[in-house]
Amino acid sequence: MIKNIFIKIILFYKKYLTYFFKTSCIFTPTCSSYALEAFKKRNCIIAFFLVIWRLLRCNNLNKGGFDPVPDSPSVKKWLL
């Protein structure tokens, strides 16, 4: 239930609010697509922490690049 609420919020953001913000995501897939995929693949708590970790890394100090949602639930892999 909470998972569906987060998915609907992300879809609302992608459909209506992305036009108001400058598109300059340094990652592929974009942060909103990453969040949507994380909530579809993982349970709510893990997906929430994955999205927060991704948003913290989404800045000009990071080189960016291809960063998909991890397939295995290894904590080491997420933090490196």
N, C-alpha and C. Protein backbone atom coordinates (compact mmCIF):
# COMPACT_ATOMS: atom_id res chain seq x y z
N MET A 1 0.81 -1.18 0.00
CA MET A 1 0.00 0.00 0.00
C MET A 1 0.87 1.27 0.00
N ILE A 2 1.83 1.34 0.90
CA ILE A 2 2.73 2.50 0.94
C ILE A 2 3.57 2.54 -0.32
N LYS A 3 3.95 1.37 -0.79
CA LYS A 3 4.74 1.28 -2.03
C LYS A 3 3.99 1.91 -3.19
N ASN A 4 2.70 1.65 -3.29
CA ASN A 4 1.88 2.21 -4.37
C ASN A 4 1.75 3.73 -4.25
N ILE A 5 1.72 4.23 -3.03
CA ILE A 5 1.65 5.68 -2.82
C ILE A 5 2.92 6.34 -3.34
N PHE A 6 4.09 5.76 -3.01
CA PHE A 6 5.35 6.30 -3.50
C PHE A 6 5.42 6.24 -5.02
N ILE A 7 4.96 5.16 -5.61
CA ILE A 7 4.97 5.02 -7.07
C ILE A 7 4.07 6.09 -7.70
N LYS A 8 2.91 6.33 -7.12
CA LYS A 8 2.01 7.36 -7.67
C LYS A 8 2.60 8.76 -7.53
N ILE A 9 3.30 9.02 -6.43
CA ILE A 9 3.95 10.32 -6.25
C ILE A 9 5.03 10.51 -7.31
N ILE A 10 5.82 9.48 -7.56
CA ILE A 10 6.89 9.57 -8.56
C ILE A 10 6.30 9.77 -9.95
N LEU A 11 5.24 9.04 -10.27
CA LEU A 11 4.60 9.19 -11.58
C LEU A 11 4.00 10.59 -11.74
N PHE A 12 3.40 11.13 -10.68
CA PHE A 12 2.89 12.50 -10.71
C PHE A 12 4.03 13.48 -10.97
N TYR A 13 5.14 13.31 -10.27
CA TYR A 13 6.31 14.17 -10.46
C TYR A 13 6.80 14.11 -11.90
N LYS A 14 6.93 12.88 -12.43
CA LYS A 14 7.44 12.73 -13.80
C LYS A 14 6.49 13.34 -14.82
N LYS A 15 5.18 13.23 -14.59
CA LYS A 15 4.22 13.71 -15.57
C LYS A 15 4.00 15.22 -15.52
N TYR A 16 3.93 15.79 -14.31
CA TYR A 16 3.52 17.18 -14.18
C TYR A 16 4.61 18.15 -13.72
N LEU A 17 5.57 17.70 -12.96
CA LEU A 17 6.52 18.63 -12.35
C LEU A 17 7.88 18.71 -13.01
N THR A 18 8.26 17.73 -13.81
CA THR A 18 9.59 17.76 -14.41
C THR A 18 9.74 18.90 -15.41
N TYR A 19 8.66 19.41 -15.94
CA TYR A 19 8.74 20.50 -16.91
C TYR A 19 9.16 21.82 -16.25
N PHE A 20 8.96 21.93 -14.94
CA PHE A 20 9.30 23.16 -14.24
C PHE A 20 10.74 23.21 -13.75
N PHE A 21 11.41 22.07 -13.78
CA PHE A 21 12.78 22.00 -13.29
C PHE A 21 13.75 21.80 -14.44
N LYS A 22 14.94 22.34 -14.30
CA LYS A 22 15.97 22.17 -15.30
C LYS A 22 16.42 20.70 -15.30
N THR A 23 16.41 20.09 -16.46
CA THR A 23 16.80 18.69 -16.57
C THR A 23 18.31 18.60 -16.71
N SER A 24 18.96 18.15 -15.67
CA SER A 24 20.41 18.03 -15.71
C SER A 24 20.88 16.84 -14.88
N CYS A 25 20.19 15.74 -14.98
CA CYS A 25 20.57 14.56 -14.21
C CYS A 25 21.86 13.99 -14.79
N ILE A 26 22.81 13.70 -13.92
CA ILE A 26 24.11 13.20 -14.36
C ILE A 26 24.13 11.69 -14.44
N PHE A 27 23.06 11.05 -14.04
CA PHE A 27 22.99 9.59 -14.04
C PHE A 27 22.06 9.09 -15.14
N THR A 28 22.31 7.87 -15.54
CA THR A 28 21.41 7.14 -16.44
C THR A 28 21.06 5.84 -15.73
N PRO A 29 19.83 5.54 -15.48
CA PRO A 29 18.60 6.28 -15.73
C PRO A 29 18.49 7.49 -14.81
N THR A 30 17.59 8.39 -15.15
CA THR A 30 17.41 9.59 -14.34
C THR A 30 16.98 9.20 -12.93
N CYS A 31 17.10 10.12 -12.01
CA CYS A 31 16.80 9.82 -10.61
C CYS A 31 15.33 9.41 -10.40
N SER A 32 14.42 10.04 -11.12
CA SER A 32 13.01 9.68 -10.96
C SER A 32 12.73 8.29 -11.55
N SER A 33 13.37 7.96 -12.66
CA SER A 33 13.21 6.61 -13.24
C SER A 33 13.84 5.57 -12.33
N TYR A 34 14.98 5.92 -11.73
CA TYR A 34 15.64 5.03 -10.78
C TYR A 34 14.73 4.76 -9.58
N ALA A 35 14.10 5.81 -9.06
CA ALA A 35 13.21 5.67 -7.91
C ALA A 35 12.02 4.80 -8.26
N LEU A 36 11.45 5.01 -9.41
CA LEU A 36 10.31 4.20 -9.85
C LEU A 36 10.69 2.73 -9.97
N GLU A 37 11.83 2.47 -10.58
CA GLU A 37 12.30 1.09 -10.73
C GLU A 37 12.63 0.46 -9.38
N ALA A 38 13.21 1.24 -8.47
CA ALA A 38 13.56 0.72 -7.14
C ALA A 38 12.31 0.30 -6.38
N PHE A 39 11.26 1.13 -6.44
CA PHE A 39 10.03 0.78 -5.73
C PHE A 39 9.30 -0.39 -6.39
N LYS A 40 9.49 -0.59 -7.67
CA LYS A 40 8.86 -1.73 -8.33
C LYS A 40 9.62 -3.03 -8.05
N LYS A 41 10.96 -2.96 -7.92
CA LYS A 41 11.78 -4.15 -7.74
C LYS A 41 11.94 -4.57 -6.28
N ARG A 42 12.01 -3.63 -5.38
CA ARG A 42 12.35 -3.89 -3.98
C ARG A 42 11.19 -3.59 -3.06
N ASN A 43 11.35 -4.02 -1.79
CA ASN A 43 10.32 -3.64 -0.82
C ASN A 43 10.48 -2.16 -0.48
N CYS A 44 9.51 -1.63 0.21
CA CYS A 44 9.42 -0.18 0.42
C CYS A 44 10.62 0.39 1.18
N ILE A 45 11.07 -0.28 2.21
CA ILE A 45 12.16 0.24 3.04
C ILE A 45 13.48 0.26 2.28
N ILE A 46 13.81 -0.82 1.61
CA ILE A 46 15.06 -0.88 0.85
C ILE A 46 15.02 0.11 -0.30
N ALA A 47 13.90 0.19 -0.99
CA ALA A 47 13.77 1.14 -2.10
C ALA A 47 13.93 2.57 -1.62
N PHE A 48 13.36 2.89 -0.47
CA PHE A 48 13.47 4.24 0.08
C PHE A 48 14.93 4.59 0.34
N PHE A 49 15.68 3.68 0.94
CA PHE A 49 17.09 3.95 1.21
C PHE A 49 17.93 4.00 -0.06
N LEU A 50 17.59 3.19 -1.05
CA LEU A 50 18.28 3.26 -2.34
C LEU A 50 18.07 4.62 -3.00
N VAL A 51 16.86 5.11 -2.95
CA VAL A 51 16.54 6.40 -3.57
C VAL A 51 17.24 7.54 -2.82
N ILE A 52 17.22 7.50 -1.51
CA ILE A 52 17.90 8.53 -0.72
C ILE A 52 19.39 8.52 -1.03
N TRP A 53 19.99 7.34 -1.09
CA TRP A 53 21.42 7.23 -1.40
C TRP A 53 21.71 7.79 -2.78
N ARG A 54 20.86 7.50 -3.73
CA ARG A 54 21.04 8.01 -5.09
C ARG A 54 20.92 9.53 -5.13
N LEU A 55 19.94 10.10 -4.44
CA LEU A 55 19.76 11.55 -4.43
C LEU A 55 20.92 12.27 -3.74
N LEU A 56 21.50 11.64 -2.75
CA LEU A 56 22.66 12.23 -2.09
C LEU A 56 23.88 12.26 -3.02
N ARG A 57 23.96 11.28 -3.91
CA ARG A 57 25.08 11.23 -4.86
C ARG A 57 24.84 12.07 -6.10
N CYS A 58 23.64 12.55 -6.30
CA CYS A 58 23.30 13.31 -7.51
C CYS A 58 23.66 14.78 -7.30
N ASN A 59 24.91 15.09 -7.54
CA ASN A 59 25.39 16.47 -7.40
C ASN A 59 26.57 16.68 -8.35
N ASN A 60 27.06 17.88 -8.43
CA ASN A 60 28.13 18.20 -9.37
C ASN A 60 29.48 17.62 -8.99
N LEU A 61 29.64 17.15 -7.76
CA LEU A 61 30.90 16.57 -7.33
C LEU A 61 31.06 15.11 -7.77
N ASN A 62 29.97 14.49 -8.17
CA ASN A 62 30.00 13.10 -8.62
C ASN A 62 30.11 13.07 -10.14
N LYS A 63 30.81 12.05 -10.67
CA LYS A 63 30.98 11.98 -12.12
C LYS A 63 29.75 11.45 -12.85
N GLY A 64 28.83 10.79 -12.12
CA GLY A 64 27.61 10.29 -12.74
C GLY A 64 27.85 9.03 -13.54
N GLY A 65 27.06 8.84 -14.60
CA GLY A 65 27.19 7.68 -15.45
C GLY A 65 26.03 6.71 -15.29
N PHE A 66 26.26 5.48 -15.72
CA PHE A 66 25.22 4.45 -15.68
C PHE A 66 25.15 3.87 -14.27
N ASP A 67 23.98 3.95 -13.65
CA ASP A 67 23.80 3.49 -12.27
C ASP A 67 22.41 2.86 -12.13
N PRO A 68 22.28 1.59 -12.51
CA PRO A 68 20.97 0.94 -12.40
C PRO A 68 20.67 0.51 -10.96
N VAL A 69 19.44 0.13 -10.71
CA VAL A 69 19.05 -0.41 -9.41
C VAL A 69 19.75 -1.76 -9.27
N PRO A 70 20.45 -2.00 -8.14
CA PRO A 70 21.18 -3.26 -7.97
C PRO A 70 20.23 -4.46 -7.97
N ASP A 71 20.68 -5.55 -8.59
CA ASP A 71 19.88 -6.76 -8.63
C ASP A 71 19.98 -7.56 -7.33
N SER A 72 21.20 -7.62 -6.77
CA SER A 72 21.37 -8.37 -5.53
C SER A 72 21.26 -7.43 -4.33
N PRO A 73 20.71 -7.93 -3.23
CA PRO A 73 20.54 -7.07 -2.06
C PRO A 73 21.79 -6.94 -1.20
N SER A 74 22.97 -6.93 -1.80
CA SER A 74 24.21 -6.83 -1.05
C SER A 74 24.44 -5.39 -0.61
N VAL A 75 24.57 -5.18 0.69
CA VAL A 75 24.75 -3.83 1.23
C VAL A 75 26.09 -3.27 0.81
N LYS A 76 27.12 -4.11 0.74
CA LYS A 76 28.44 -3.64 0.31
C LYS A 76 28.39 -3.01 -1.07
N LYS A 77 27.68 -3.65 -1.97
CA LYS A 77 27.59 -3.16 -3.34
C LYS A 77 26.92 -1.80 -3.41
N TRP A 78 25.92 -1.57 -2.56
CA TRP A 78 25.21 -0.29 -2.58
C TRP A 78 26.08 0.84 -2.06
N LEU A 79 26.91 0.54 -1.09
CA LEU A 79 27.67 1.60 -0.44
C LEU A 79 28.97 1.93 -1.15
N LEU A 80 29.41 1.10 -2.07
CA LEU A 80 30.68 1.38 -2.76
C LEU A 80 30.49 2.12 -4.04
